[in-house]
Amino acid sequence: MDWNKWIRTVHRWVSVAFTAAVILNIVAMVQGSSATWVGFLALAPLALLLPTGLYLFLLPYVAKRRRTSLSGRHDLA
């Protein structure tokens, strides 16, 4: 499998885990049980979402720069 597809798939599934953790946190807050670990539960997926999201955000810019350098042009406009 292509690295880009793999990272995109991981990013999607981790975002599902993050959403579930946030919903669990909201449910715990509504019920009044304020366990600290429930609040920190969303931080693990969030820590994975940051690098994969930044990679996916920068991917089009890197691809454009590669196309520009391969064609022999070096203008940045």
N, C-alpha and C. Protein backbone atom coordinates (compact mmCIF):
# COMPACT_ATOMS: atom_id res chain seq x y z
N MET A 1 0.84 -1.18 0.00
CA MET A 1 0.00 0.00 0.00
C MET A 1 0.89 1.24 0.00
N ASP A 2 0.42 2.26 -0.66
CA ASP A 2 1.12 3.54 -0.76
C ASP A 2 1.16 4.22 0.61
N TRP A 3 2.30 4.89 0.93
CA TRP A 3 2.44 5.58 2.22
C TRP A 3 1.37 6.63 2.42
N ASN A 4 1.06 7.37 1.37
CA ASN A 4 0.05 8.42 1.50
C ASN A 4 -1.32 7.84 1.85
N LYS A 5 -1.67 6.75 1.20
CA LYS A 5 -2.96 6.10 1.50
C LYS A 5 -2.96 5.54 2.92
N TRP A 6 -1.83 4.98 3.34
CA TRP A 6 -1.73 4.40 4.67
C TRP A 6 -1.90 5.48 5.74
N ILE A 7 -1.21 6.59 5.56
CA ILE A 7 -1.30 7.68 6.53
C ILE A 7 -2.71 8.28 6.54
N ARG A 8 -3.32 8.41 5.38
CA ARG A 8 -4.69 8.92 5.30
C ARG A 8 -5.67 7.99 6.02
N THR A 9 -5.50 6.69 5.84
CA THR A 9 -6.36 5.72 6.51
C THR A 9 -6.17 5.76 8.02
N VAL A 10 -4.91 5.82 8.46
CA VAL A 10 -4.63 5.93 9.90
C VAL A 10 -5.25 7.20 10.46
N HIS A 11 -5.12 8.30 9.73
CA HIS A 11 -5.67 9.58 10.19
C HIS A 11 -7.19 9.49 10.34
N ARG A 12 -7.84 8.85 9.40
CA ARG A 12 -9.30 8.71 9.48
C ARG A 12 -9.73 7.89 10.68
N TRP A 13 -9.07 6.76 10.92
CA TRP A 13 -9.46 5.90 12.03
C TRP A 13 -9.11 6.52 13.37
N VAL A 14 -8.01 7.23 13.45
CA VAL A 14 -7.66 7.90 14.69
C VAL A 14 -8.64 9.03 14.97
N SER A 15 -9.14 9.68 13.92
CA SER A 15 -10.14 10.72 14.14
C SER A 15 -11.44 10.13 14.67
N VAL A 16 -11.78 8.92 14.26
CA VAL A 16 -12.95 8.24 14.82
C VAL A 16 -12.72 7.94 16.30
N ALA A 17 -11.52 7.48 16.64
CA ALA A 17 -11.20 7.21 18.05
C ALA A 17 -11.23 8.50 18.87
N PHE A 18 -10.74 9.59 18.31
CA PHE A 18 -10.76 10.88 19.00
C PHE A 18 -12.19 11.34 19.25
N THR A 19 -13.04 11.20 18.24
CA THR A 19 -14.44 11.60 18.38
C THR A 19 -15.13 10.76 19.46
N ALA A 20 -14.85 9.46 19.48
CA ALA A 20 -15.44 8.60 20.51
C ALA A 20 -14.95 9.00 21.90
N ALA A 21 -13.69 9.35 22.02
CA ALA A 21 -13.15 9.76 23.32
C ALA A 21 -13.77 11.07 23.79
N VAL A 22 -14.00 11.99 22.87
CA VAL A 22 -14.63 13.26 23.24
C VAL A 22 -16.08 13.03 23.67
N ILE A 23 -16.79 12.17 22.95
CA ILE A 23 -18.18 11.86 23.33
C ILE A 23 -18.21 11.18 24.69
N LEU A 24 -17.28 10.28 24.95
CA LEU A 24 -17.20 9.62 26.26
C LEU A 24 -16.91 10.64 27.36
N ASN A 25 -16.07 11.59 27.06
CA ASN A 25 -15.75 12.65 28.02
C ASN A 25 -16.99 13.49 28.32
N ILE A 26 -17.75 13.84 27.31
CA ILE A 26 -18.97 14.62 27.50
C ILE A 26 -19.99 13.85 28.33
N VAL A 27 -20.14 12.56 28.02
CA VAL A 27 -21.08 11.73 28.77
C VAL A 27 -20.66 11.65 30.24
N ALA A 28 -19.37 11.50 30.48
CA ALA A 28 -18.88 11.42 31.86
C ALA A 28 -19.10 12.74 32.59
N MET A 29 -18.93 13.85 31.90
CA MET A 29 -19.15 15.16 32.53
C MET A 29 -20.63 15.36 32.86
N VAL A 30 -21.52 14.93 31.98
CA VAL A 30 -22.96 15.09 32.21
C VAL A 30 -23.40 14.23 33.39
N GLN A 31 -22.81 13.05 33.52
CA GLN A 31 -23.18 12.16 34.62
C GLN A 31 -22.58 12.61 35.94
N GLY A 32 -21.63 13.50 35.91
CA GLY A 32 -21.05 14.03 37.13
C GLY A 32 -19.82 13.31 37.61
N SER A 33 -19.42 12.24 36.95
CA SER A 33 -18.20 11.54 37.36
C SER A 33 -17.01 12.23 36.68
N SER A 34 -16.23 12.89 37.48
CA SER A 34 -15.11 13.64 36.89
C SER A 34 -13.80 12.90 37.13
N ALA A 35 -13.67 11.74 36.53
CA ALA A 35 -12.41 11.00 36.61
C ALA A 35 -11.40 11.68 35.69
N THR A 36 -10.22 11.86 36.19
CA THR A 36 -9.20 12.57 35.43
C THR A 36 -8.81 11.82 34.16
N TRP A 37 -8.78 10.49 34.24
CA TRP A 37 -8.35 9.72 33.08
C TRP A 37 -9.31 9.86 31.91
N VAL A 38 -10.58 10.12 32.19
CA VAL A 38 -11.54 10.31 31.10
C VAL A 38 -11.21 11.60 30.34
N GLY A 39 -10.79 12.60 31.07
CA GLY A 39 -10.41 13.86 30.42
C GLY A 39 -9.18 13.72 29.56
N PHE A 40 -8.25 12.88 30.01
CA PHE A 40 -7.01 12.68 29.25
C PHE A 40 -7.13 11.63 28.16
N LEU A 41 -8.27 10.97 28.09
CA LEU A 41 -8.46 9.90 27.13
C LEU A 41 -8.35 10.38 25.68
N ALA A 42 -8.77 11.60 25.44
CA ALA A 42 -8.74 12.13 24.07
C ALA A 42 -7.36 12.61 23.65
N LEU A 43 -6.42 12.72 24.58
CA LEU A 43 -5.10 13.24 24.23
C LEU A 43 -4.26 12.25 23.41
N ALA A 44 -4.42 10.96 23.63
CA ALA A 44 -3.65 9.97 22.87
C ALA A 44 -3.98 10.04 21.37
N PRO A 45 -5.27 9.97 20.99
CA PRO A 45 -5.57 10.11 19.56
C PRO A 45 -5.19 11.48 19.01
N LEU A 46 -5.33 12.51 19.85
CA LEU A 46 -4.99 13.85 19.40
C LEU A 46 -3.49 13.97 19.10
N ALA A 47 -2.68 13.28 19.89
CA ALA A 47 -1.23 13.28 19.66
C ALA A 47 -0.88 12.61 18.34
N LEU A 48 -1.68 11.65 17.90
CA LEU A 48 -1.46 11.01 16.61
C LEU A 48 -2.07 11.81 15.46
N LEU A 49 -3.14 12.53 15.75
CA LEU A 49 -3.78 13.32 14.70
C LEU A 49 -2.90 14.49 14.26
N LEU A 50 -2.12 15.04 15.18
CA LEU A 50 -1.29 16.19 14.85
C LEU A 50 -0.26 15.87 13.75
N PRO A 51 0.61 14.86 13.92
CA PRO A 51 1.60 14.62 12.85
C PRO A 51 0.98 14.13 11.54
N THR A 52 -0.05 13.27 11.63
CA THR A 52 -0.66 12.80 10.39
C THR A 52 -1.40 13.91 9.68
N GLY A 53 -2.06 14.78 10.45
CA GLY A 53 -2.76 15.92 9.84
C GLY A 53 -1.81 16.91 9.20
N LEU A 54 -0.69 17.18 9.88
CA LEU A 54 0.31 18.07 9.29
C LEU A 54 0.90 17.48 8.02
N TYR A 55 1.14 16.18 8.03
CA TYR A 55 1.67 15.51 6.83
C TYR A 55 0.69 15.65 5.67
N LEU A 56 -0.59 15.37 5.95
CA LEU A 56 -1.59 15.46 4.88
C LEU A 56 -1.80 16.90 4.42
N PHE A 57 -1.63 17.86 5.33
CA PHE A 57 -1.76 19.26 4.96
C PHE A 57 -0.62 19.69 4.05
N LEU A 58 0.59 19.25 4.34
CA LEU A 58 1.76 19.67 3.56
C LEU A 58 1.95 18.88 2.28
N LEU A 59 1.29 17.76 2.15
CA LEU A 59 1.48 16.88 0.99
C LEU A 59 1.27 17.57 -0.35
N PRO A 60 0.22 18.35 -0.57
CA PRO A 60 0.06 19.00 -1.88
C PRO A 60 1.17 20.01 -2.18
N TYR A 61 1.65 20.70 -1.15
CA TYR A 61 2.70 21.70 -1.35
C TYR A 61 4.02 21.03 -1.72
N VAL A 62 4.31 19.91 -1.08
CA VAL A 62 5.54 19.17 -1.40
C VAL A 62 5.45 18.60 -2.81
N ALA A 63 4.30 18.07 -3.18
CA ALA A 63 4.13 17.52 -4.52
C ALA A 63 4.26 18.61 -5.58
N LYS A 64 3.71 19.78 -5.30
CA LYS A 64 3.82 20.89 -6.25
C LYS A 64 5.27 21.31 -6.40
N ARG A 65 5.99 21.37 -5.29
CA ARG A 65 7.40 21.76 -5.33
C ARG A 65 8.23 20.73 -6.09
N ARG A 66 7.90 19.45 -5.92
CA ARG A 66 8.62 18.39 -6.66
C ARG A 66 8.35 18.51 -8.15
N ARG A 67 7.09 18.77 -8.52
CA ARG A 67 6.78 18.93 -9.94
C ARG A 67 7.53 20.11 -10.53
N THR A 68 7.61 21.20 -9.77
CA THR A 68 8.29 22.40 -10.24
C THR A 68 9.78 22.13 -10.41
N SER A 69 10.40 21.44 -9.46
CA SER A 69 11.83 21.20 -9.55
C SER A 69 12.14 20.17 -10.63
N LEU A 70 11.24 19.23 -10.89
CA LEU A 70 11.48 18.26 -11.92
C LEU A 70 11.35 18.86 -13.32
N SER A 71 10.52 19.89 -13.46
CA SER A 71 10.34 20.49 -14.76
C SER A 71 11.46 21.48 -15.09
N GLY A 72 12.32 21.75 -14.11
CA GLY A 72 13.45 22.64 -14.38
C GLY A 72 13.21 24.07 -14.01
N ARG A 73 11.99 24.41 -13.62
CA ARG A 73 11.69 25.78 -13.22
C ARG A 73 11.92 25.90 -11.72
N HIS A 74 12.43 27.05 -11.30
CA HIS A 74 12.70 27.24 -9.89
C HIS A 74 12.02 28.50 -9.36
N ASP A 75 10.95 28.94 -10.01
CA ASP A 75 10.24 30.10 -9.49
C ASP A 75 9.28 29.64 -8.41
N LEU A 76 9.11 30.45 -7.40
CA LEU A 76 8.25 30.10 -6.28
C LEU A 76 6.91 30.79 -6.34
N ALA A 77 6.61 31.48 -7.41
CA ALA A 77 5.36 32.21 -7.52
C ALA A 77 4.21 31.33 -7.92
